[in-house]
Structures are given as C-alpha cells and as structure tokens.
Amino acid sequence: MKLKKQAKIASLFIAVFLIFYHLPLESSRFVSAIISALELARWYAREHLVLCLIPTFFIAGAMAVFLSQQAIIKYLGAEAQKLVSYAVASVSGTVIAVCSCTILPLFAGIYKMGAGLGPATAFLYSGPAINLLAIVLTARVLGWELGLARAIGAIFLGIIIGLIMHLIFRHETASSSTGFNLSEEEQDRSLFETGLYFFFMLGILITATLAEPGETAVLAAIYGYRWWLAASFALGLAVMLVRLFNFTKWKLTLLALGIMALAIVFPEVPEIPFGLGIVCFSVICLTEGPDGTRWFEESWNFARQILPLLLAGVLIAGFFFGMPGEEGGIIPAEWVQNLLGGNSWTANFFSALSGALMYFATLTEVPILEGLIEAGMGKGPALSLLLAGPAVSLPNLLVIYSVIGTRKTAVYFCLVVLSSSMAGYFYGLIV
C-alpha cells in the first residue's frame, strides 16, 4: 500500500514536470490565453467579489442561522406541494440580480437547510436566468420576442429541470439536516420581522450590484440613486439587527459614520467603503453574542467552501474562452461564431454548450449576443445561449459539485444544455 501511494506521488511529480517542460510559451495564443485568464480573475475580483459575492455569503449565512428550517422544508422541501415549491423556486430570481456564481451561496444555503433537490435546482437554474433587469435589457436591445422567450423559457425550463432532477434522484436523500436548532429568540420572531430582515439584505445586494442601464429613463434614475437606496436598506437592516438580535447601537452607528466618510473621500471607488464596512461588520458580529458569532461562522464556511473553487473555475474559463466579448482565449472566437449560424440542432447545441462553460456576469450576455447576432448568429442559438449561459458556468459547476456531488452535477449540466438547445431550436423554427 505504501509503495502504491509513493508511485502516485511520483506520477504526479512527473506529470507536473512534463507540463512545465512542454509549456508552449513561444505560442502567442497560449500566452494570450494565460493573460486572459488572469484578466478575467482580476475583473471578477474587482467587479463582483466585494459588492456582489460577499453580501450573498452573509445572506446565505443568515439563512442557515436565522431562517426557520421548518419553513424551508414546508415550502421547498422534498415533500412540499409541487405547485407551491416549484412556483416559488422558478420565479424568485426575478428580484435577485445575480449571476451564475453569486447564486451559489443562496443555493447552498437553502439546500443545506432542507430544500428538496428539485426545488433547489429549479432555484439554482432560474435565479440568474430570469432576473428582471436582464429580461428588460434583452427585450430592449435584442427585441421583445427574444426577451419574452427568455422569460418564459427560464421559468419553464427551471421547473422542468427541477422535476427531472427530483425524479432521477427521488430514492436518494435530497439533503440532510445540519442540526441547526432554533433558539428561543428565533421562535419568538414573527414571519413579518424575519421577512423584513431578509428584504433589507437583498435590497443592499440588488442596489449595490445594479448595472448601468444605458438610455432607459426609469432605470437610469434608479441607477443614479443606487447608493442612497443601498444606504436606506442598510439603515433598515441596522434597525432590524438592534430589534431582533440586540446588536449594540453605538457600534452600528460608528460603522455607518465610517462608511459615509469613506464614501465621501472615495466616491468613485465604492469597493473601498463597502469592503471596509464588511470587515468592520464582521468584527461586530463576532462581538455580539452567539447569534452574531454563528452568523459570521456560517458565512465564513460558505466563503471558504466556494471561493477557491470559483477562482479555479474563473481562471479555467478565462484561459479557454477569454474575457466576455473579447478575443484572447485558447479557443478562437471565430470558431464559435462559425458554428452558431442558422438554426440547426448542432448550432443550438453548441451555443448552449459553449454558453454553459463560459462565465457571463449579470447583463453582459446581452451586448455579447448583440455582437454575435450581427456576425450571423441565428435567433434560435441566441435563445439557447441566453437560457444556458447566465444560469451555468464552469466556475459554478465546480462549486455545485462540492454541494451535491458528481452524479447530480453531471445530470444537472446535461439537462441545462439539452433543454436550452431544444428550446432554442423550436424558437428558431417559430421565428
């Protein structure tokens, strides 16, 4: 046995040696792909980590600690009424403007709390695919037909994928209880108070991650006041923390004043006040008794599990496909464009497959598709990419694997690609 283990280690050393020995550094495309991988990782860290992903870790941690496990099981559990559970899971993404990676802590949270595999995967798929801002932008830029097809397709496919996942793995335990015990304080909280608590956290997430909407007057007005809105939601959250969990008022007040001061000094770099605010808020959580400590610990557990896999996935996606909408990956962009013309089954399948492997930040899929359509991409493959791309990516597949395992992840990926391909193909026949 010891000899076998040493042989594996030696084989690993040899493999690593051969990889570095044969690195094609003289190839400009290979070097460009490495640079693209690092550029994508840098862009992801700057644009998504602080303002988008870290808040979802806190929301997921709050779900694990403060949300009633019985409520999750009642509405999203394996034994819940299918009409209720799948309806809730498939439309919840309309108000959460998240990408395929940011949805992961929320998915892991509800799955860990006892949600059935079917509703959990329906939420995982439809969450990033159907966010309201993306639907509106799709309709405005690419036409109302494609926007409407995307909205209907995301809801319908979310339900179908969830139901098939449930049927395939119905004999397995969808999720195990993690042993969270409801404290007496939590049992005394009303549903309205708990709902407000999560409403304010989601409000901070949504307003802090709003993308610039362009020329749409209403959305432009909202975007212009997004930080005032975020501050309002943060004030509401502070009130709920004092009311529900007895957080110390002067600590939250001092934190708010510090964030405001940094926002005035660094108005063009919101990541600085937002990031330092998160660090200080984490310290406050650790000093506010068992509820705050558990909240931070659960949030940190999600971050520790998800972030390394996301980083690896982003680097791999950047290496193969480059930055979204730019040339630079090891796979030439013209290969993708040449395979996406017309409305053949092959074009739709390849569009869904490439979209499911690439990483799309929220709303970035629309300008990318606009360029591909101008280059000759068919309407059917365009819908296939819209249904598969925002919902799945190589980085998020690595994390899903760590949550539900290899078999379930493989089946989920295949269902997303095949169902998106079929939806795009039939849409192409209609239009």
Protein backbone atom coordinates (compact mmCIF):
# COMPACT_ATOMS: atom_id res chain seq x y z
CA MET A 1 0.00 0.00 0.00
CA LYS A 2 2.84 2.37 0.89
CA LEU A 3 4.57 1.63 -2.42
CA LYS A 4 1.35 2.33 -4.30
CA LYS A 5 0.98 5.70 -2.58
CA GLN A 6 4.58 6.65 -3.37
CA ALA A 7 4.03 5.65 -7.00
CA LYS A 8 1.04 8.02 -7.21
CA ILE A 9 3.10 10.86 -5.78
CA ALA A 10 5.94 10.15 -8.20
CA SER A 11 3.47 10.06 -11.12
CA LEU A 12 2.10 13.42 -10.06
CA PHE A 13 5.60 14.92 -9.96
CA ILE A 14 6.35 13.52 -13.42
CA ALA A 15 3.09 14.88 -14.83
CA VAL A 16 3.76 18.35 -13.42
CA PHE A 17 7.32 18.23 -14.77
CA LEU A 18 6.14 17.28 -18.26
CA ILE A 19 3.50 20.02 -18.26
CA PHE A 20 6.04 22.72 -17.42
CA TYR A 21 8.68 21.20 -19.70
CA HIS A 22 6.36 21.39 -22.72
CA LEU A 23 4.70 24.73 -21.99
CA PRO A 24 4.28 26.40 -25.40
CA LEU A 25 5.41 29.82 -24.24
CA GLU A 26 6.58 30.62 -27.75
CA SER A 27 2.93 30.49 -28.89
CA SER A 28 1.33 33.95 -28.78
CA ARG A 29 -2.15 32.43 -28.43
CA PHE A 30 -1.12 30.38 -25.40
CA VAL A 31 0.44 33.42 -23.72
CA SER A 32 -2.64 35.48 -24.62
CA ALA A 33 -4.87 32.80 -23.06
CA ILE A 34 -2.89 32.92 -19.80
CA ILE A 35 -3.16 36.71 -19.73
CA SER A 36 -6.90 36.45 -20.44
CA ALA A 37 -7.32 34.04 -17.53
CA LEU A 38 -5.59 36.47 -15.18
CA GLU A 39 -7.53 39.43 -16.61
CA LEU A 40 -10.84 37.63 -16.06
CA ALA A 41 -9.86 36.77 -12.49
CA ARG A 42 -8.84 40.39 -11.84
CA TRP A 43 -12.04 41.70 -13.41
CA TYR A 44 -14.14 39.27 -11.37
CA ALA A 45 -12.38 40.30 -8.16
CA ARG A 46 -12.90 43.99 -8.89
CA GLU A 47 -16.44 43.88 -10.20
CA HIS A 48 -18.10 41.05 -8.29
CA LEU A 49 -16.28 39.87 -5.20
CA VAL A 50 -16.81 42.79 -2.81
CA LEU A 51 -20.12 44.26 -3.99
CA CYS A 52 -21.84 41.08 -5.09
CA LEU A 53 -20.46 37.79 -3.84
CA ILE A 54 -19.52 38.62 -0.23
CA PRO A 55 -23.01 40.01 0.57
CA THR A 56 -24.53 36.75 -0.66
CA PHE A 57 -22.29 34.85 1.76
CA PHE A 58 -23.81 36.86 4.60
CA ILE A 59 -27.32 36.24 3.25
CA ALA A 60 -26.64 32.51 2.99
CA GLY A 61 -25.14 32.51 6.49
CA ALA A 62 -28.21 34.33 7.80
CA MET A 63 -30.43 31.71 6.17
CA ALA A 64 -28.50 28.96 7.91
CA VAL A 65 -28.70 30.60 11.34
CA PHE A 66 -31.84 32.73 11.48
CA LEU A 67 -34.27 31.29 8.95
CA SER A 68 -36.61 28.63 10.20
CA GLN A 69 -35.61 25.24 8.85
CA GLN A 70 -39.24 24.15 9.12
CA ALA A 71 -40.26 26.99 6.77
CA ILE A 72 -37.69 25.94 4.15
CA ILE A 73 -38.88 22.34 4.34
CA LYS A 74 -42.52 23.42 4.25
CA TYR A 75 -42.24 25.45 1.06
CA LEU A 76 -39.21 23.95 -0.73
CA GLY A 77 -38.74 20.53 0.84
CA ALA A 78 -39.00 17.24 -0.99
CA GLU A 79 -42.46 16.62 0.49
CA ALA A 80 -43.82 20.12 -0.12
CA GLN A 81 -46.64 20.70 -2.58
CA LYS A 82 -45.05 20.64 -6.01
CA LEU A 83 -47.11 23.54 -7.34
CA VAL A 84 -46.00 25.80 -4.48
CA SER A 85 -42.36 24.74 -4.24
CA TYR A 86 -41.55 24.89 -7.95
CA ALA A 87 -43.52 28.10 -8.49
CA VAL A 88 -41.61 29.82 -5.69
CA ALA A 89 -38.23 28.46 -6.84
CA SER A 90 -38.68 29.28 -10.53
CA VAL A 91 -39.72 32.94 -10.19
CA SER A 92 -37.64 34.02 -7.18
CA GLY A 93 -34.79 35.14 -9.44
CA THR A 94 -36.88 37.99 -10.89
CA VAL A 95 -35.88 40.20 -7.96
CA ILE A 96 -32.33 38.91 -7.37
CA ALA A 97 -29.99 40.35 -10.00
CA VAL A 98 -27.26 37.74 -9.61
CA CYS A 99 -25.02 35.76 -11.93
CA SER A 100 -24.39 32.01 -12.04
CA CYS A 101 -21.70 32.30 -9.37
CA THR A 102 -23.42 34.68 -6.99
CA ILE A 103 -26.47 32.39 -6.79
CA LEU A 104 -24.29 29.60 -5.34
CA PRO A 105 -24.23 30.64 -1.66
CA LEU A 106 -28.01 31.06 -1.73
CA PHE A 107 -28.46 27.65 -3.38
CA ALA A 108 -26.09 26.02 -0.90
CA GLY A 109 -27.94 27.73 1.95
CA ILE A 110 -31.45 26.53 1.08
CA TYR A 111 -30.17 23.05 0.16
CA LYS A 112 -28.29 22.78 3.44
CA MET A 113 -31.41 23.89 5.31
CA GLY A 114 -33.53 21.06 3.88
CA ALA A 115 -34.87 22.18 0.49
CA GLY A 116 -35.63 19.30 -1.87
CA LEU A 117 -33.22 18.67 -4.73
CA GLY A 118 -35.89 19.53 -7.33
CA PRO A 119 -36.90 22.97 -6.00
CA ALA A 120 -33.28 23.76 -5.09
CA THR A 121 -32.03 23.08 -8.63
CA ALA A 122 -35.02 24.96 -10.09
CA PHE A 123 -33.93 27.96 -7.99
CA LEU A 124 -30.29 27.41 -8.97
CA TYR A 125 -31.16 27.47 -12.68
CA SER A 126 -33.82 30.16 -12.86
CA GLY A 127 -32.25 32.56 -10.34
CA PRO A 128 -29.62 34.07 -12.67
CA ALA A 129 -31.55 33.25 -15.86
CA ILE A 130 -34.67 35.27 -15.15
CA ASN A 131 -33.56 38.35 -13.26
CA LEU A 132 -35.92 41.17 -14.22
CA LEU A 133 -33.26 43.68 -15.29
CA ALA A 134 -31.72 41.17 -17.72
CA ILE A 135 -35.12 40.37 -19.24
CA VAL A 136 -35.89 44.06 -19.79
CA LEU A 137 -32.47 44.72 -21.31
CA THR A 138 -32.80 41.68 -23.58
CA ALA A 139 -36.17 42.86 -24.86
CA ARG A 140 -34.91 46.39 -25.45
CA VAL A 141 -31.64 45.53 -27.20
CA LEU A 142 -32.40 42.22 -28.91
CA GLY A 143 -36.15 42.57 -29.48
CA TRP A 144 -39.26 41.89 -27.42
CA GLU A 145 -39.69 38.43 -28.96
CA LEU A 146 -36.34 37.24 -27.63
CA GLY A 147 -36.95 38.95 -24.27
CA LEU A 148 -40.34 37.28 -23.87
CA ALA A 149 -38.97 33.91 -24.98
CA ARG A 150 -36.15 34.22 -22.46
CA ALA A 151 -38.55 34.96 -19.58
CA ILE A 152 -40.96 32.13 -20.42
CA GLY A 153 -38.14 29.71 -21.21
CA ALA A 154 -36.27 30.39 -17.96
CA ILE A 155 -39.34 29.74 -15.80
CA PHE A 156 -40.47 26.71 -17.77
CA LEU A 157 -37.03 25.11 -18.00
CA GLY A 158 -36.37 25.78 -14.32
CA ILE A 159 -39.47 23.79 -13.41
CA ILE A 160 -38.71 21.01 -15.91
CA ILE A 161 -35.08 20.65 -14.83
CA GLY A 162 -36.08 20.61 -11.17
CA LEU A 163 -38.77 17.98 -11.72
CA ILE A 164 -36.44 15.73 -13.71
CA MET A 165 -33.71 16.04 -11.06
CA HIS A 166 -36.28 15.08 -8.43
CA LEU A 167 -37.47 12.07 -10.42
CA ILE A 168 -33.99 10.78 -11.22
CA PHE A 169 -32.72 11.06 -7.64
CA ARG A 170 -36.01 10.58 -5.78
CA HIS A 171 -34.70 7.49 -3.98
CA GLU A 172 -31.75 9.36 -2.55
CA THR A 173 -31.82 11.73 0.38
CA ALA A 174 -32.08 15.15 -1.20
CA SER A 175 -30.43 16.90 1.68
CA SER A 176 -29.56 16.14 5.23
CA SER A 177 -30.38 18.19 8.25
CA THR A 178 -27.40 20.08 9.53
CA GLY A 179 -28.60 20.12 13.09
CA PHE A 180 -29.46 23.79 13.29
CA ASN A 181 -31.52 24.28 16.41
CA LEU A 182 -33.94 27.13 16.61
CA SER A 183 -33.16 29.34 19.59
CA GLU A 184 -35.95 30.66 21.76
CA GLU A 185 -35.34 34.12 20.29
CA GLU A 186 -35.78 32.82 16.75
CA GLN A 187 -39.03 31.07 17.64
CA ASP A 188 -40.38 34.38 19.02
CA ARG A 189 -39.67 36.30 15.82
CA SER A 190 -42.65 36.93 13.60
CA LEU A 191 -42.70 35.99 9.94
CA PHE A 192 -43.04 39.68 9.09
CA GLU A 193 -39.94 40.64 11.07
CA THR A 194 -37.89 37.82 9.55
CA GLY A 195 -39.12 38.81 6.10
CA LEU A 196 -38.07 42.44 6.65
CA TYR A 197 -34.66 41.30 7.83
CA PHE A 198 -34.00 39.39 4.61
CA PHE A 199 -35.71 42.08 2.49
CA PHE A 200 -33.19 44.70 3.65
CA MET A 201 -30.22 42.39 2.99
CA LEU A 202 -31.49 41.58 -0.50
CA GLY A 203 -32.09 45.29 -1.09
CA ILE A 204 -28.44 46.06 -0.30
CA LEU A 205 -27.31 43.28 -2.66
CA ILE A 206 -29.56 44.38 -5.53
CA THR A 207 -28.84 48.11 -5.35
CA ALA A 208 -25.09 47.66 -4.85
CA THR A 209 -24.84 45.46 -7.95
CA LEU A 210 -27.07 47.42 -10.32
CA ALA A 211 -25.53 47.61 -13.77
CA GLU A 212 -25.63 50.85 -15.73
CA PRO A 213 -28.86 50.60 -17.76
CA GLY A 214 -27.99 52.88 -20.65
CA GLU A 215 -30.68 55.19 -22.02
CA THR A 216 -33.74 53.77 -20.23
CA ALA A 217 -35.02 56.76 -18.23
CA VAL A 218 -36.57 54.95 -15.25
CA LEU A 219 -33.69 52.52 -14.80
CA ALA A 220 -31.18 55.34 -15.26
CA ALA A 221 -32.88 57.30 -12.46
CA ILE A 222 -32.76 54.28 -10.16
CA TYR A 223 -29.11 53.71 -11.04
CA GLY A 224 -28.26 57.32 -10.24
CA TYR A 225 -29.62 56.95 -6.70
CA ARG A 226 -28.44 53.38 -6.12
CA TRP A 227 -26.10 54.26 -3.24
CA TRP A 228 -28.78 56.28 -1.50
CA LEU A 229 -31.07 53.29 -1.87
CA ALA A 230 -28.36 50.96 -0.58
CA ALA A 231 -27.84 53.25 2.43
CA SER A 232 -31.59 53.19 3.11
CA PHE A 233 -31.65 49.40 3.05
CA ALA A 234 -28.57 49.33 5.31
CA LEU A 235 -30.35 51.61 7.80
CA GLY A 236 -33.35 49.30 7.77
CA LEU A 237 -31.08 46.29 8.35
CA ALA A 238 -29.42 48.05 11.29
CA VAL A 239 -32.82 48.68 12.87
CA MET A 240 -33.74 45.01 12.48
CA LEU A 241 -30.41 43.89 13.93
CA VAL A 242 -30.99 46.03 17.02
CA ARG A 243 -34.63 44.95 17.33
CA LEU A 244 -34.28 41.24 16.65
CA PHE A 245 -30.76 40.38 17.79
CA ASN A 246 -29.90 43.14 20.27
CA PHE A 247 -26.89 44.42 18.33
CA THR A 248 -25.23 47.36 20.06
CA LYS A 249 -26.48 50.66 18.66
CA TRP A 250 -23.27 52.66 19.08
CA LYS A 251 -21.24 50.06 17.16
CA LEU A 252 -23.61 50.17 14.19
CA THR A 253 -23.75 53.97 14.34
CA LEU A 254 -19.96 54.25 14.34
CA LEU A 255 -19.78 51.82 11.42
CA ALA A 256 -22.34 53.87 9.44
CA LEU A 257 -20.43 57.11 10.05
CA GLY A 258 -17.16 55.48 8.98
CA ILE A 259 -18.67 54.16 5.74
CA MET A 260 -20.18 57.57 4.96
CA ALA A 261 -16.82 59.26 5.50
CA LEU A 262 -15.04 56.79 3.23
CA ALA A 263 -17.76 57.17 0.60
CA ILE A 264 -17.16 60.93 0.57
CA VAL A 265 -13.37 60.50 0.30
CA PHE A 266 -13.58 57.73 -2.37
CA PRO A 267 -16.77 58.50 -4.34
CA GLU A 268 -15.51 56.76 -7.48
CA VAL A 269 -14.33 53.58 -5.74
CA PRO A 270 -17.32 52.17 -3.83
CA GLU A 271 -15.44 48.94 -3.17
CA ILE A 272 -13.31 50.72 -0.52
CA PRO A 273 -16.11 51.86 1.85
CA PHE A 274 -18.17 48.77 1.07
CA GLY A 275 -15.26 46.38 1.65
CA LEU A 276 -14.02 48.02 4.84
CA GLY A 277 -17.63 48.15 6.02
CA ILE A 278 -17.90 44.39 5.57
CA VAL A 279 -14.68 43.83 7.54
CA CYS A 280 -15.86 46.02 10.42
CA PHE A 281 -19.33 44.47 10.34
CA SER A 282 -17.73 41.02 10.62
CA VAL A 283 -15.91 42.17 13.76
CA ILE A 284 -19.19 43.48 15.16
CA CYS A 285 -20.87 40.13 14.50
CA LEU A 286 -18.11 38.33 16.41
CA THR A 287 -18.63 40.59 19.43
CA GLU A 288 -22.44 40.47 19.56
CA GLY A 289 -23.11 37.20 21.32
CA PRO A 290 -23.97 33.73 19.97
CA ASP A 291 -26.31 34.86 17.20
CA GLY A 292 -23.77 37.21 15.63
CA THR A 293 -20.93 34.73 16.04
CA ARG A 294 -22.91 31.91 14.42
CA TRP A 295 -23.93 34.22 11.59
CA PHE A 296 -20.31 35.11 10.81
CA GLU A 297 -19.12 31.49 11.17
CA GLU A 298 -21.75 30.16 8.76
CA SER A 299 -21.00 32.96 6.27
CA TRP A 300 -17.28 32.20 6.51
CA ASN A 301 -17.94 28.48 5.97
CA PHE A 302 -19.74 29.26 2.70
CA ALA A 303 -16.93 31.60 1.61
CA ARG A 304 -14.24 29.06 2.48
CA GLN A 305 -16.01 26.33 0.52
CA ILE A 306 -16.95 28.36 -2.54
CA LEU A 307 -14.24 30.98 -3.19
CA PRO A 308 -11.29 28.64 -4.02
CA LEU A 309 -13.39 26.67 -6.49
CA LEU A 310 -14.72 29.85 -8.06
CA LEU A 311 -11.21 31.21 -8.53
CA ALA A 312 -10.09 27.98 -10.20
CA GLY A 313 -13.16 27.99 -12.44
CA VAL A 314 -12.74 31.64 -13.45
CA LEU A 315 -9.10 31.04 -14.39
CA ILE A 316 -10.01 27.98 -16.49
CA ALA A 317 -12.89 29.78 -18.21
CA GLY A 318 -10.67 32.78 -18.96
CA PHE A 319 -7.94 30.53 -20.36
CA PHE A 320 -10.27 28.73 -22.76
CA PHE A 321 -12.68 31.50 -23.74
CA GLY A 322 -11.04 34.79 -22.75
CA MET A 323 -12.81 37.85 -21.42
CA PRO A 324 -16.54 38.11 -22.28
CA GLY A 325 -16.90 39.62 -25.72
CA GLU A 326 -13.17 39.77 -26.38
CA GLU A 327 -10.65 37.65 -28.27
CA GLY A 328 -7.88 36.11 -26.21
CA GLY A 329 -8.79 32.59 -25.10
CA ILE A 330 -7.10 29.47 -26.37
CA ILE A 331 -10.27 28.71 -28.37
CA PRO A 332 -10.53 31.22 -31.27
CA ALA A 333 -13.71 33.33 -31.21
CA GLU A 334 -14.26 32.76 -34.92
CA TRP A 335 -14.70 29.04 -34.27
CA VAL A 336 -17.64 29.86 -32.04
CA GLN A 337 -19.15 32.34 -34.49
CA ASN A 338 -18.86 29.96 -37.46
CA LEU A 339 -20.74 27.23 -35.61
CA LEU A 340 -23.67 29.39 -34.49
CA GLY A 341 -25.24 30.41 -37.81
CA GLY A 342 -28.69 29.22 -38.88
CA ASN A 343 -30.99 27.15 -36.70
CA SER A 344 -29.65 23.63 -36.95
CA TRP A 345 -29.67 21.31 -33.95
CA THR A 346 -25.87 21.42 -33.99
CA ALA A 347 -25.80 25.22 -33.84
CA ASN A 348 -28.24 25.30 -30.91
CA PHE A 349 -26.44 22.54 -29.04
CA PHE A 350 -23.03 24.16 -29.48
CA SER A 351 -24.44 27.54 -28.46
CA ALA A 352 -25.90 26.08 -25.26
CA LEU A 353 -22.74 24.08 -24.54
CA SER A 354 -20.34 26.99 -25.05
CA GLY A 355 -22.63 29.29 -23.05
CA ALA A 356 -22.78 26.78 -20.20
CA LEU A 357 -18.98 26.64 -19.98
CA MET A 358 -18.24 30.35 -20.34
CA TYR A 359 -18.75 32.80 -17.50
CA PHE A 360 -21.28 35.61 -18.00
CA ALA A 361 -21.64 38.37 -15.43
CA THR A 362 -25.16 39.70 -14.99
CA LEU A 363 -26.28 41.62 -18.12
CA THR A 364 -23.01 41.07 -20.03
CA GLU A 365 -24.62 38.34 -22.12
CA VAL A 366 -26.80 40.92 -23.91
CA PRO A 367 -24.05 43.03 -25.60
CA ILE A 368 -22.09 39.85 -26.33
CA LEU A 369 -25.10 38.33 -28.07
CA GLU A 370 -25.75 41.57 -29.93
CA GLY A 371 -22.29 41.29 -31.48
CA LEU A 372 -22.74 37.58 -32.30
CA ILE A 373 -26.13 38.20 -33.94
CA GLU A 374 -24.59 40.95 -36.07
CA ALA A 375 -21.90 38.42 -37.05
CA GLY A 376 -24.56 35.97 -38.30
CA MET A 377 -25.76 34.08 -35.23
CA GLY A 378 -29.28 32.67 -35.60
CA LYS A 379 -32.17 33.62 -33.29
CA GLY A 380 -32.55 30.03 -32.09
CA PRO A 381 -28.91 29.66 -30.97
CA ALA A 382 -29.18 33.13 -29.41
CA LEU A 383 -32.00 31.93 -27.14
CA SER A 384 -30.08 28.72 -26.39
CA LEU A 385 -27.15 30.79 -25.14
CA LEU A 386 -29.45 33.12 -23.16
CA LEU A 387 -31.02 30.16 -21.37
CA ALA A 388 -27.81 28.24 -20.68
CA GLY A 389 -25.11 30.92 -20.37
CA PRO A 390 -26.28 33.07 -17.43
CA ALA A 391 -27.52 30.01 -15.49
CA VAL A 392 -24.43 27.79 -15.68
CA SER A 393 -20.69 28.32 -15.97
CA LEU A 394 -17.54 26.32 -15.43
CA PRO A 395 -16.80 28.10 -12.14
CA ASN A 396 -20.26 27.45 -10.72
CA LEU A 397 -20.21 23.78 -11.79
CA LEU A 398 -17.14 23.21 -9.63
CA VAL A 399 -18.99 24.60 -6.62
CA ILE A 400 -22.22 22.71 -7.39
CA TYR A 401 -20.15 19.53 -7.45
CA SER A 402 -18.92 20.26 -3.92
CA VAL A 403 -22.52 20.70 -2.73
CA ILE A 404 -24.47 17.89 -4.41
CA GLY A 405 -21.78 15.55 -5.76
CA THR A 406 -20.53 14.37 -9.15
CA ARG A 407 -23.57 12.44 -10.45
CA LYS A 408 -26.14 15.12 -9.67
CA THR A 409 -23.90 17.87 -11.07
CA ALA A 410 -23.34 15.94 -14.32
CA VAL A 411 -27.06 15.30 -14.75
CA TYR A 412 -27.89 18.93 -13.99
CA PHE A 413 -25.34 20.19 -16.53
CA CYS A 414 -26.65 17.84 -19.23
CA LEU A 415 -30.26 18.87 -18.54
CA VAL A 416 -29.40 22.57 -18.82
CA VAL A 417 -27.55 22.13 -22.11
CA LEU A 418 -30.09 19.78 -23.71
CA SER A 419 -33.20 21.68 -22.60
CA SER A 420 -31.71 25.03 -23.66
CA SER A 421 -30.77 23.55 -27.03
CA MET A 422 -34.29 22.22 -27.59
CA ALA A 423 -35.90 25.50 -26.53
CA GLY A 424 -33.66 27.47 -28.89
CA TYR A 425 -34.26 25.06 -31.77
CA PHE A 426 -38.06 25.24 -31.51
CA TYR A 427 -37.93 29.02 -31.05
CA GLY A 428 -35.84 29.26 -34.22
CA LEU A 429 -38.46 27.25 -36.10
CA ILE A 430 -41.22 29.61 -34.93
CA VAL A 431 -39.48 32.90 -35.70
